[in-house]
Amino acid sequence: MSIKVVLDTNVFLSGVFFAGTPGRVLDACFSKDVEIIVSPEILAEYQAAGHALLAKRPLPFFDQFLAMLAAKATIVKPAPLPVPLCRDPKDDIFLACAIATEADYIVSGDKDLIVLAGTFPIAIVKPLEFLQRRSLKHDT
């Protein structure tokens, strides 16, 4: 059984450009037990924010990596949320995607999403917590 994961843009970009814990999350997302869930809006945001970052930090394989992620991911077109749920309405795309697919996790470092942890029906966790929870599932 795979773990369904929605990655917020900061985790995706930090993993691609800077490695570290977000990079380990991306590595995990390319394993067989993790299903990455995205929407066309999320992919567009990854691309736009990634290209803005490319201006400051060139990374020749960014577009290829994004294409690989899109090829592995399950792409869904969720219905818009009936009302904004996040204090930053731009982040509602991650919530809508997670709800539409009954995702197990939203992995984020964004305070506007993290503040919803515990009140949102899907676990919203920071990258290290996701890795720890995934490791626990492997150990059982």
C-alpha atoms as a PDB file:
ATOM      1  CA  MET A   1       0.000   0.000   0.000  1.00  0.00           C
ATOM      2  CA  SER A   2       1.479   3.314  -1.000  1.00  0.00           C
ATOM      3  CA  ILE A   3       1.556   6.529   0.979  1.00  0.00           C
ATOM      4  CA  LYS A   4      -0.154   9.412  -0.856  1.00  0.00           C
ATOM      5  CA  VAL A   5       1.793  12.658  -0.525  1.00  0.00           C
ATOM      6  CA  VAL A   6       1.218  16.230  -1.651  1.00  0.00           C
ATOM      7  CA  LEU A   7       4.427  18.297  -1.581  1.00  0.00           C
ATOM      8  CA  ASP A   8       4.183  22.005  -1.158  1.00  0.00           C
ATOM      9  CA  THR A   9       6.329  24.137  -3.451  1.00  0.00           C
ATOM     10  CA  ASN A  10       8.929  25.049  -0.835  1.00  0.00           C
ATOM     11  CA  VAL A  11       9.652  21.387  -0.089  1.00  0.00           C
ATOM     12  CA  PHE A  12       9.882  20.499  -3.769  1.00  0.00           C
ATOM     13  CA  LEU A  13      12.177  23.413  -4.642  1.00  0.00           C
ATOM     14  CA  SER A  14      14.332  23.056  -1.525  1.00  0.00           C
ATOM     15  CA  GLY A  15      14.797  19.392  -2.331  1.00  0.00           C
ATOM     16  CA  VAL A  16      15.774  20.039  -5.940  1.00  0.00           C
ATOM     17  CA  PHE A  17      17.998  23.066  -5.390  1.00  0.00           C
ATOM     18  CA  PHE A  18      19.452  22.561  -1.915  1.00  0.00           C
ATOM     19  CA  ALA A  19      19.102  18.823  -1.045  1.00  0.00           C
ATOM     20  CA  GLY A  20      19.140  18.306   2.766  1.00  0.00           C
ATOM     21  CA  THR A  21      16.010  16.935   4.424  1.00  0.00           C
ATOM     22  CA  PRO A  22      13.704  18.120   1.595  1.00  0.00           C
ATOM     23  CA  GLY A  23      16.015  16.284  -0.813  1.00  0.00           C
ATOM     24  CA  ARG A  24      15.529  13.115   1.224  1.00  0.00           C
ATOM     25  CA  VAL A  25      11.759  13.663   0.988  1.00  0.00           C
ATOM     26  CA  LEU A  26      12.066  13.874  -2.805  1.00  0.00           C
ATOM     27  CA  ASP A  27      14.147  10.688  -2.820  1.00  0.00           C
ATOM     28  CA  ALA A  28      11.406   8.994  -0.797  1.00  0.00           C
ATOM     29  CA  CYS A  29       8.797  10.226  -3.266  1.00  0.00           C
ATOM     30  CA  PHE A  30      10.523   8.310  -6.039  1.00  0.00           C
ATOM     31  CA  SER A  31      10.307   5.027  -4.140  1.00  0.00           C
ATOM     32  CA  LYS A  32       7.606   2.438  -4.762  1.00  0.00           C
ATOM     33  CA  ASP A  33       5.790   3.005  -1.474  1.00  0.00           C
ATOM     34  CA  VAL A  34       5.085   6.712  -2.064  1.00  0.00           C
ATOM     35  CA  GLU A  35       2.582   8.139  -4.525  1.00  0.00           C
ATOM     36  CA  ILE A  36       3.114  11.811  -5.313  1.00  0.00           C
ATOM     37  CA  ILE A  37      -0.151  13.656  -5.889  1.00  0.00           C
ATOM     38  CA  VAL A  38      -0.222  16.919  -7.860  1.00  0.00           C
ATOM     39  CA  SER A  39      -2.690  19.028  -9.763  1.00  0.00           C
ATOM     40  CA  PRO A  40      -2.000  21.021 -12.928  1.00  0.00           C
ATOM     41  CA  GLU A  41      -2.004  24.152 -10.717  1.00  0.00           C
ATOM     42  CA  ILE A  42       0.632  22.676  -8.410  1.00  0.00           C
ATOM     43  CA  LEU A  43       2.837  21.672 -11.348  1.00  0.00           C
ATOM     44  CA  ALA A  44       2.477  25.186 -12.779  1.00  0.00           C
ATOM     45  CA  GLU A  45       3.488  26.669  -9.433  1.00  0.00           C
ATOM     46  CA  TYR A  46       6.511  24.344  -9.171  1.00  0.00           C
ATOM     47  CA  GLN A  47       7.567  25.429 -12.646  1.00  0.00           C
ATOM     48  CA  ALA A  48       7.025  29.179 -12.158  1.00  0.00           C
ATOM     49  CA  ALA A  49       8.728  29.296  -8.757  1.00  0.00           C
ATOM     50  CA  GLY A  50      11.524  27.040 -10.000  1.00  0.00           C
ATOM     51  CA  HIS A  51      12.201  29.255 -12.988  1.00  0.00           C
ATOM     52  CA  ALA A  52      12.279  32.324 -10.729  1.00  0.00           C
ATOM     53  CA  LEU A  53      14.867  30.546  -8.560  1.00  0.00           C
ATOM     54  CA  LEU A  54      16.865  29.493 -11.639  1.00  0.00           C
ATOM     55  CA  ALA A  55      17.611  33.171 -12.290  1.00  0.00           C
ATOM     56  CA  LYS A  56      19.551  33.263  -9.000  1.00  0.00           C
ATOM     57  CA  ARG A  57      20.789  29.688  -8.849  1.00  0.00           C
ATOM     58  CA  PRO A  58      21.290  27.988 -12.226  1.00  0.00           C
ATOM     59  CA  LEU A  59      20.445  24.300 -12.264  1.00  0.00           C
ATOM     60  CA  PRO A  60      20.632  22.743 -15.731  1.00  0.00           C
ATOM     61  CA  PHE A  61      18.450  19.716 -14.962  1.00  0.00           C
ATOM     62  CA  PHE A  62      15.514  21.485 -13.290  1.00  0.00           C
ATOM     63  CA  ASP A  63      13.079  21.060 -16.196  1.00  0.00           C
ATOM     64  CA  GLN A  64      14.056  17.396 -16.625  1.00  0.00           C
ATOM     65  CA  PHE A  65      13.549  16.761 -12.913  1.00  0.00           C
ATOM     66  CA  LEU A  66      10.134  18.432 -13.004  1.00  0.00           C
ATOM     67  CA  ALA A  67       9.207  16.274 -16.008  1.00  0.00           C
ATOM     68  CA  MET A  68      10.311  13.132 -14.143  1.00  0.00           C
ATOM     69  CA  LEU A  69       8.211  14.120 -11.155  1.00  0.00           C
ATOM     70  CA  ALA A  70       5.186  14.794 -13.365  1.00  0.00           C
ATOM     71  CA  ALA A  71       5.639  11.412 -15.069  1.00  0.00           C
ATOM     72  CA  LYS A  72       5.696   9.562 -11.725  1.00  0.00           C
ATOM     73  CA  ALA A  73       2.979  11.612 -10.053  1.00  0.00           C
ATOM     74  CA  THR A  74      -0.733  11.065 -10.053  1.00  0.00           C
ATOM     75  CA  ILE A  75      -2.183  14.213 -11.595  1.00  0.00           C
ATOM     76  CA  VAL A  76      -5.666  15.155 -10.443  1.00  0.00           C
ATOM     77  CA  LYS A  77      -8.020  18.037 -11.134  1.00  0.00           C
ATOM     78  CA  PRO A  78      -9.611  18.730  -7.765  1.00  0.00           C
ATOM     79  CA  ALA A  79     -12.697  20.822  -7.370  1.00  0.00           C
ATOM     80  CA  PRO A  80     -12.000  24.241  -5.905  1.00  0.00           C
ATOM     81  CA  LEU A  81     -12.579  24.506  -2.191  1.00  0.00           C
ATOM     82  CA  PRO A  82     -15.988  26.020  -1.391  1.00  0.00           C
ATOM     83  CA  VAL A  83     -14.335  28.574   0.911  1.00  0.00           C
ATOM     84  CA  PRO A  84     -10.688  29.488   1.484  1.00  0.00           C
ATOM     85  CA  LEU A  85      -9.197  27.327   4.227  1.00  0.00           C
ATOM     86  CA  CYS A  86      -5.659  28.647   4.410  1.00  0.00           C
ATOM     87  CA  ARG A  87      -4.716  32.121   5.602  1.00  0.00           C
ATOM     88  CA  ASP A  88      -2.744  32.352   2.329  1.00  0.00           C
ATOM     89  CA  PRO A  89      -5.412  31.457  -0.264  1.00  0.00           C
ATOM     90  CA  LYS A  90      -2.709  30.521  -2.812  1.00  0.00           C
ATOM     91  CA  ASP A  91      -1.939  27.503  -0.617  1.00  0.00           C
ATOM     92  CA  ASP A  92      -5.481  26.168  -0.935  1.00  0.00           C
ATOM     93  CA  ILE A  93      -4.371  24.288  -4.086  1.00  0.00           C
ATOM     94  CA  PHE A  94      -2.424  21.868  -1.868  1.00  0.00           C
ATOM     95  CA  LEU A  95      -5.378  21.361   0.464  1.00  0.00           C
ATOM     96  CA  ALA A  96      -7.808  20.795  -2.419  1.00  0.00           C
ATOM     97  CA  CYS A  97      -5.456  18.284  -4.032  1.00  0.00           C
ATOM     98  CA  ALA A  98      -5.024  16.387  -0.765  1.00  0.00           C
ATOM     99  CA  ILE A  99      -8.784  16.293  -0.100  1.00  0.00           C
ATOM    100  CA  ALA A 100      -9.604  15.132  -3.629  1.00  0.00           C
ATOM    101  CA  THR A 101      -7.294  12.126  -3.353  1.00  0.00           C
ATOM    102  CA  GLU A 102      -7.611  11.426   0.368  1.00  0.00           C
ATOM    103  CA  ALA A 103      -3.861  11.907   0.639  1.00  0.00           C
ATOM    104  CA  ASP A 104      -2.052  10.685   3.723  1.00  0.00           C
ATOM    105  CA  TYR A 105       0.199  13.728   4.041  1.00  0.00           C
ATOM    106  CA  ILE A 106       0.809  17.265   2.938  1.00  0.00           C
ATOM    107  CA  VAL A 107       4.527  17.845   3.405  1.00  0.00           C
ATOM    108  CA  SER A 108       5.303  21.501   3.950  1.00  0.00           C
ATOM    109  CA  GLY A 109       7.545  23.978   5.672  1.00  0.00           C
ATOM    110  CA  ASP A 110       5.095  26.814   4.983  1.00  0.00           C
ATOM    111  CA  LYS A 111       3.771  28.342   8.209  1.00  0.00           C
ATOM    112  CA  ASP A 112       0.452  29.123   6.509  1.00  0.00           C
ATOM    113  CA  LEU A 113      -0.092  25.387   5.991  1.00  0.00           C
ATOM    114  CA  ILE A 114       1.630  24.093   9.138  1.00  0.00           C
ATOM    115  CA  VAL A 115      -0.715  26.176  11.305  1.00  0.00           C
ATOM    116  CA  LEU A 116      -3.583  23.967  10.050  1.00  0.00           C
ATOM    117  CA  ALA A 117      -1.927  20.769  11.338  1.00  0.00           C
ATOM    118  CA  GLY A 118      -4.235  18.976  13.724  1.00  0.00           C
ATOM    119  CA  THR A 119      -7.325  20.833  12.519  1.00  0.00           C
ATOM    120  CA  PHE A 120      -7.248  19.674   8.899  1.00  0.00           C
ATOM    121  CA  PRO A 121      -8.430  16.113   8.166  1.00  0.00           C
ATOM    122  CA  ILE A 122      -5.137  15.218   6.423  1.00  0.00           C
ATOM    123  CA  ALA A 123      -1.812  15.232   8.263  1.00  0.00           C
ATOM    124  CA  ILE A 124       0.218  18.352   7.486  1.00  0.00           C
ATOM    125  CA  VAL A 125       3.818  17.664   8.459  1.00  0.00           C
ATOM    126  CA  LYS A 126       7.259  19.149   8.055  1.00  0.00           C
ATOM    127  CA  PRO A 127       9.773  17.223   5.930  1.00  0.00           C
ATOM    128  CA  LEU A 128      11.637  15.591   8.831  1.00  0.00           C
ATOM    129  CA  GLU A 129       8.395  14.450  10.458  1.00  0.00           C
ATOM    130  CA  PHE A 130       7.276  12.896   7.170  1.00  0.00           C
ATOM    131  CA  LEU A 131      10.539  10.946   6.921  1.00  0.00           C
ATOM    132  CA  GLN A 132      10.190   9.768  10.520  1.00  0.00           C
ATOM    133  CA  ARG A 133       6.579   8.657  10.046  1.00  0.00           C
ATOM    134  CA  ARG A 134       7.433   6.881   6.806  1.00  0.00           C
ATOM    135  CA  SER A 135      10.299   5.100   8.531  1.00  0.00           C
ATOM    136  CA  LEU A 136       7.930   3.933  11.267  1.00  0.00           C
ATOM    137  CA  LYS A 137       5.561   2.494   8.647  1.00  0.00           C
ATOM    138  CA  HIS A 138       8.474   0.568   7.132  1.00  0.00           C
ATOM    139  CA  ASP A 139       9.433  -0.838  10.525  1.00  0.00           C
ATOM    140  CA  THR A 140       5.972  -2.252  11.266  1.00  0.00           C
END
